[in-house]
Amino acid sequence: MTAPARLHYHLLWPVRGGAAGSVLTPEALDLLPSYVARYAQTLGTTVGAVGGRGDHLHVVADVPPDRQLAKVNEELRRAAARFLRATLSIGGFDWDDAAQVLSTVSSAERPDLIQYVLEQEARHAEGGLFPEWEGGEDFEAGAGAEAAMPDWLREVLPRI
């Protein structure tokens, strides 16, 4: 059996303190997609979409199976935070480590997720959100949530 060329992931990065307001400025939201996509290439990763609003960012990433998702995610987050602090002068910027969500995406749902990520502003304004793609309670309590996993599986999975 042949391994897939790339595994599809949805990365959701809430901003630390983002509930207090819009930390990611319109300029940041305009510049981050090309920066994150280009940086991802240095990691052998392809980005299908980057989008968000002031308090969080979504990334659709296609990661080679020989790369660890946790390492790719951490490196992308670090690079994006560095870009926001140094280039856009958003002092003290950081992502909320405890609230991030990493999930697998099927090839069939990937195009819909890309469209969803690109339409973030409109979806938030119009209320057309999918809780499972926004890291909502429905997603966290779902069958793939850590609390729903058997103990043996939690022990063998790498910590993200």
C-alpha atoms as a PDB file:
ATOM      1  CA  MET A   1       0.000   0.000   0.000  1.00  0.00           C
ATOM      2  CA  THR A   2       1.351   3.405  -0.972  1.00  0.00           C
ATOM      3  CA  ALA A   3       1.500   6.159   1.646  1.00  0.00           C
ATOM      4  CA  PRO A   4      -0.251   9.422   0.768  1.00  0.00           C
ATOM      5  CA  ALA A   5       1.973  12.097  -0.740  1.00  0.00           C
ATOM      6  CA  ARG A   6       0.686  14.635   1.772  1.00  0.00           C
ATOM      7  CA  LEU A   7      -1.505  14.620   4.853  1.00  0.00           C
ATOM      8  CA  HIS A   8      -4.032  17.448   5.133  1.00  0.00           C
ATOM      9  CA  TYR A   9      -4.389  19.399   8.381  1.00  0.00           C
ATOM     10  CA  HIS A  10      -6.403  22.276   9.766  1.00  0.00           C
ATOM     11  CA  LEU A  11      -4.389  24.370  12.205  1.00  0.00           C
ATOM     12  CA  LEU A  12      -6.281  26.841  14.379  1.00  0.00           C
ATOM     13  CA  TRP A  13      -4.150  29.347  16.270  1.00  0.00           C
ATOM     14  CA  PRO A  14      -5.977  31.580  18.756  1.00  0.00           C
ATOM     15  CA  VAL A  15      -4.173  34.744  19.787  1.00  0.00           C
ATOM     16  CA  ARG A  16      -3.108  34.989  23.426  1.00  0.00           C
ATOM     17  CA  GLY A  17      -5.410  37.578  24.954  1.00  0.00           C
ATOM     18  CA  GLY A  18      -7.380  37.664  21.707  1.00  0.00           C
ATOM     19  CA  ALA A  19     -10.724  37.625  23.491  1.00  0.00           C
ATOM     20  CA  ALA A  20      -9.932  41.144  24.658  1.00  0.00           C
ATOM     21  CA  GLY A  21      -9.974  42.492  21.115  1.00  0.00           C
ATOM     22  CA  SER A  22      -8.609  42.385  17.606  1.00  0.00           C
ATOM     23  CA  VAL A  23      -4.902  41.710  17.934  1.00  0.00           C
ATOM     24  CA  LEU A  24      -4.398  40.640  14.321  1.00  0.00           C
ATOM     25  CA  THR A  25      -4.791  43.851  12.357  1.00  0.00           C
ATOM     26  CA  PRO A  26      -6.217  44.013   8.819  1.00  0.00           C
ATOM     27  CA  GLU A  27      -2.655  44.569   7.581  1.00  0.00           C
ATOM     28  CA  ALA A  28      -1.474  41.460   9.427  1.00  0.00           C
ATOM     29  CA  LEU A  29      -4.332  39.396   7.991  1.00  0.00           C
ATOM     30  CA  ASP A  30      -3.401  40.629   4.497  1.00  0.00           C
ATOM     31  CA  LEU A  31       0.321  39.837   4.827  1.00  0.00           C
ATOM     32  CA  LEU A  32       0.277  36.621   6.854  1.00  0.00           C
ATOM     33  CA  PRO A  33      -1.032  34.283   4.113  1.00  0.00           C
ATOM     34  CA  SER A  34       1.891  34.840   1.752  1.00  0.00           C
ATOM     35  CA  TYR A  35       4.439  34.848   4.594  1.00  0.00           C
ATOM     36  CA  VAL A  36       3.139  31.636   6.183  1.00  0.00           C
ATOM     37  CA  ALA A  37       2.847  29.914   2.787  1.00  0.00           C
ATOM     38  CA  ARG A  38       6.403  30.850   1.811  1.00  0.00           C
ATOM     39  CA  TYR A  39       7.838  29.845   5.188  1.00  0.00           C
ATOM     40  CA  ALA A  40       5.964  26.530   5.018  1.00  0.00           C
ATOM     41  CA  GLN A  41       7.762  25.756   1.754  1.00  0.00           C
ATOM     42  CA  THR A  42      11.074  25.800   3.640  1.00  0.00           C
ATOM     43  CA  LEU A  43       9.618  23.012   5.805  1.00  0.00           C
ATOM     44  CA  GLY A  44       8.521  20.944   2.809  1.00  0.00           C
ATOM     45  CA  THR A  45       4.911  21.847   3.552  1.00  0.00           C
ATOM     46  CA  THR A  46       2.299  23.313   1.231  1.00  0.00           C
ATOM     47  CA  VAL A  47      -0.313  25.765   2.501  1.00  0.00           C
ATOM     48  CA  GLY A  48      -3.741  25.678   0.894  1.00  0.00           C
ATOM     49  CA  ALA A  49      -5.143  28.694   2.729  1.00  0.00           C
ATOM     50  CA  VAL A  50      -4.500  31.110   5.583  1.00  0.00           C
ATOM     51  CA  GLY A  51      -7.227  33.311   6.985  1.00  0.00           C
ATOM     52  CA  GLY A  52      -8.790  34.518  10.152  1.00  0.00           C
ATOM     53  CA  ARG A  53      -9.844  37.553  12.073  1.00  0.00           C
ATOM     54  CA  GLY A  54      -8.471  39.645  14.908  1.00  0.00           C
ATOM     55  CA  ASP A  55      -8.398  36.919  17.535  1.00  0.00           C
ATOM     56  CA  HIS A  56      -7.400  33.772  15.611  1.00  0.00           C
ATOM     57  CA  LEU A  57      -5.839  32.369  12.464  1.00  0.00           C
ATOM     58  CA  HIS A  58      -6.684  29.258  10.420  1.00  0.00           C
ATOM     59  CA  VAL A  59      -4.092  27.457   8.299  1.00  0.00           C
ATOM     60  CA  VAL A  60      -4.818  24.582   5.912  1.00  0.00           C
ATOM     61  CA  ALA A  61      -1.518  22.738   5.570  1.00  0.00           C
ATOM     62  CA  ASP A  62      -0.469  19.732   3.510  1.00  0.00           C
ATOM     63  CA  VAL A  63       2.385  18.046   5.347  1.00  0.00           C
ATOM     64  CA  PRO A  64       4.545  15.222   3.952  1.00  0.00           C
ATOM     65  CA  PRO A  65       4.055  11.990   5.924  1.00  0.00           C
ATOM     66  CA  ASP A  66       7.731  11.952   6.911  1.00  0.00           C
ATOM     67  CA  ARG A  67       7.341  15.244   8.827  1.00  0.00           C
ATOM     68  CA  GLN A  68       5.964  15.530  12.346  1.00  0.00           C
ATOM     69  CA  LEU A  69       2.873  17.723  12.460  1.00  0.00           C
ATOM     70  CA  ALA A  70       3.762  19.064  15.913  1.00  0.00           C
ATOM     71  CA  LYS A  71       7.160  20.285  14.716  1.00  0.00           C
ATOM     72  CA  VAL A  72       5.821  21.829  11.509  1.00  0.00           C
ATOM     73  CA  ASN A  73       3.012  23.530  13.434  1.00  0.00           C
ATOM     74  CA  GLU A  74       5.349  24.908  16.097  1.00  0.00           C
ATOM     75  CA  GLU A  75       7.840  26.224  13.549  1.00  0.00           C
ATOM     76  CA  LEU A  76       5.092  27.919  11.512  1.00  0.00           C
ATOM     77  CA  ARG A  77       3.579  29.482  14.647  1.00  0.00           C
ATOM     78  CA  ARG A  78       6.977  30.716  15.812  1.00  0.00           C
ATOM     79  CA  ALA A  79       7.797  32.218  12.422  1.00  0.00           C
ATOM     80  CA  ALA A  80       4.394  33.925  12.136  1.00  0.00           C
ATOM     81  CA  ALA A  81       4.687  35.370  15.648  1.00  0.00           C
ATOM     82  CA  ARG A  82       8.213  36.629  14.913  1.00  0.00           C
ATOM     83  CA  PHE A  83       6.941  38.231  11.686  1.00  0.00           C
ATOM     84  CA  LEU A  84       4.099  39.971  13.530  1.00  0.00           C
ATOM     85  CA  ARG A  85       6.366  41.274  16.304  1.00  0.00           C
ATOM     86  CA  ALA A  86       9.350  42.321  14.182  1.00  0.00           C
ATOM     87  CA  THR A  87       7.897  43.309  10.822  1.00  0.00           C
ATOM     88  CA  LEU A  88       4.481  44.642  11.805  1.00  0.00           C
ATOM     89  CA  SER A  89       5.531  45.884  15.264  1.00  0.00           C
ATOM     90  CA  ILE A  90       2.749  44.096  17.131  1.00  0.00           C
ATOM     91  CA  GLY A  91       4.594  44.164  20.443  1.00  0.00           C
ATOM     92  CA  GLY A  92       4.210  41.263  22.848  1.00  0.00           C
ATOM     93  CA  PHE A  93       2.317  39.204  20.279  1.00  0.00           C
ATOM     94  CA  ASP A  94       1.993  35.485  20.928  1.00  0.00           C
ATOM     95  CA  TRP A  95      -0.306  32.570  20.171  1.00  0.00           C
ATOM     96  CA  ASP A  96      -2.370  30.900  22.890  1.00  0.00           C
ATOM     97  CA  ASP A  97      -0.673  27.509  23.223  1.00  0.00           C
ATOM     98  CA  ALA A  98      -3.418  25.985  25.357  1.00  0.00           C
ATOM     99  CA  ALA A  99      -6.243  26.806  22.938  1.00  0.00           C
ATOM    100  CA  GLN A 100      -4.732  25.743  19.603  1.00  0.00           C
ATOM    101  CA  VAL A 101      -6.508  23.032  17.632  1.00  0.00           C
ATOM    102  CA  LEU A 102      -4.832  20.682  15.152  1.00  0.00           C
ATOM    103  CA  SER A 103      -7.041  18.329  13.183  1.00  0.00           C
ATOM    104  CA  THR A 104      -6.800  16.085  10.159  1.00  0.00           C
ATOM    105  CA  VAL A 105      -8.789  16.915   7.052  1.00  0.00           C
ATOM    106  CA  SER A 106      -9.904  14.443   4.403  1.00  0.00           C
ATOM    107  CA  SER A 107      -9.107  15.079   0.757  1.00  0.00           C
ATOM    108  CA  ALA A 108     -12.855  15.356   0.148  1.00  0.00           C
ATOM    109  CA  GLU A 109     -13.426  18.105   2.737  1.00  0.00           C
ATOM    110  CA  ARG A 110     -10.196  20.026   2.020  1.00  0.00           C
ATOM    111  CA  PRO A 111     -11.674  22.272  -0.750  1.00  0.00           C
ATOM    112  CA  ASP A 112     -14.602  23.235   1.514  1.00  0.00           C
ATOM    113  CA  LEU A 113     -12.243  24.027   4.383  1.00  0.00           C
ATOM    114  CA  ILE A 114     -10.051  26.168   2.120  1.00  0.00           C
ATOM    115  CA  GLN A 115     -13.109  28.152   1.027  1.00  0.00           C
ATOM    116  CA  TYR A 116     -14.219  28.467   4.655  1.00  0.00           C
ATOM    117  CA  VAL A 117     -10.807  29.802   5.720  1.00  0.00           C
ATOM    118  CA  LEU A 118     -10.718  32.319   2.867  1.00  0.00           C
ATOM    119  CA  GLU A 119     -14.202  33.580   3.852  1.00  0.00           C
ATOM    120  CA  GLN A 120     -13.453  34.103   7.547  1.00  0.00           C
ATOM    121  CA  GLU A 121     -14.430  37.771   7.815  1.00  0.00           C
ATOM    122  CA  ALA A 122     -17.742  37.267   6.019  1.00  0.00           C
ATOM    123  CA  ARG A 123     -18.576  34.089   7.931  1.00  0.00           C
ATOM    124  CA  HIS A 124     -17.940  35.728  11.293  1.00  0.00           C
ATOM    125  CA  ALA A 125     -19.948  38.799  10.285  1.00  0.00           C
ATOM    126  CA  GLU A 126     -22.887  36.765   8.957  1.00  0.00           C
ATOM    127  CA  GLY A 127     -22.809  33.990  11.550  1.00  0.00           C
ATOM    128  CA  GLY A 128     -22.075  31.238   9.014  1.00  0.00           C
ATOM    129  CA  LEU A 129     -19.572  29.449  11.247  1.00  0.00           C
ATOM    130  CA  PHE A 130     -18.930  25.727  11.546  1.00  0.00           C
ATOM    131  CA  PRO A 131     -18.176  25.016  15.248  1.00  0.00           C
ATOM    132  CA  GLU A 132     -16.002  22.025  14.351  1.00  0.00           C
ATOM    133  CA  TRP A 133     -13.734  24.309  12.307  1.00  0.00           C
ATOM    134  CA  GLU A 134     -13.706  27.075  14.908  1.00  0.00           C
ATOM    135  CA  GLY A 135     -12.492  24.882  17.768  1.00  0.00           C
ATOM    136  CA  GLY A 136     -15.894  25.068  19.469  1.00  0.00           C
ATOM    137  CA  GLU A 137     -17.271  22.829  22.178  1.00  0.00           C
ATOM    138  CA  ASP A 138     -18.799  20.444  19.640  1.00  0.00           C
ATOM    139  CA  PHE A 139     -15.373  19.784  18.159  1.00  0.00           C
ATOM    140  CA  GLU A 140     -13.513  19.444  21.438  1.00  0.00           C
ATOM    141  CA  ALA A 141     -16.074  17.023  22.855  1.00  0.00           C
ATOM    142  CA  GLY A 142     -16.262  14.942  19.677  1.00  0.00           C
ATOM    143  CA  ALA A 143     -15.096  11.420  19.030  1.00  0.00           C
ATOM    144  CA  GLY A 144     -11.568  12.613  18.212  1.00  0.00           C
ATOM    145  CA  ALA A 145     -11.191  14.606  21.429  1.00  0.00           C
ATOM    146  CA  GLU A 146      -8.538  13.437  23.860  1.00  0.00           C
ATOM    147  CA  ALA A 147     -11.112  12.862  26.613  1.00  0.00           C
ATOM    148  CA  ALA A 148     -12.950  10.448  24.299  1.00  0.00           C
ATOM    149  CA  MET A 149      -9.794   8.436  23.532  1.00  0.00           C
ATOM    150  CA  PRO A 150      -9.016   5.194  25.340  1.00  0.00           C
ATOM    151  CA  ASP A 151      -6.098   5.376  27.783  1.00  0.00           C
ATOM    152  CA  TRP A 152      -3.887   3.099  25.675  1.00  0.00           C
ATOM    153  CA  LEU A 153      -4.243   5.433  22.679  1.00  0.00           C
ATOM    154  CA  ARG A 154      -3.451   8.574  24.705  1.00  0.00           C
ATOM    155  CA  GLU A 155      -0.276   6.880  25.952  1.00  0.00           C
ATOM    156  CA  VAL A 156       1.063   6.008  22.495  1.00  0.00           C
ATOM    157  CA  LEU A 157       0.190   9.236  20.682  1.00  0.00           C
ATOM    158  CA  PRO A 158       2.886  11.916  20.684  1.00  0.00           C
ATOM    159  CA  ARG A 159       2.029  15.044  22.623  1.00  0.00           C
ATOM    160  CA  ILE A 160       1.265  18.019  20.396  1.00  0.00           C
END
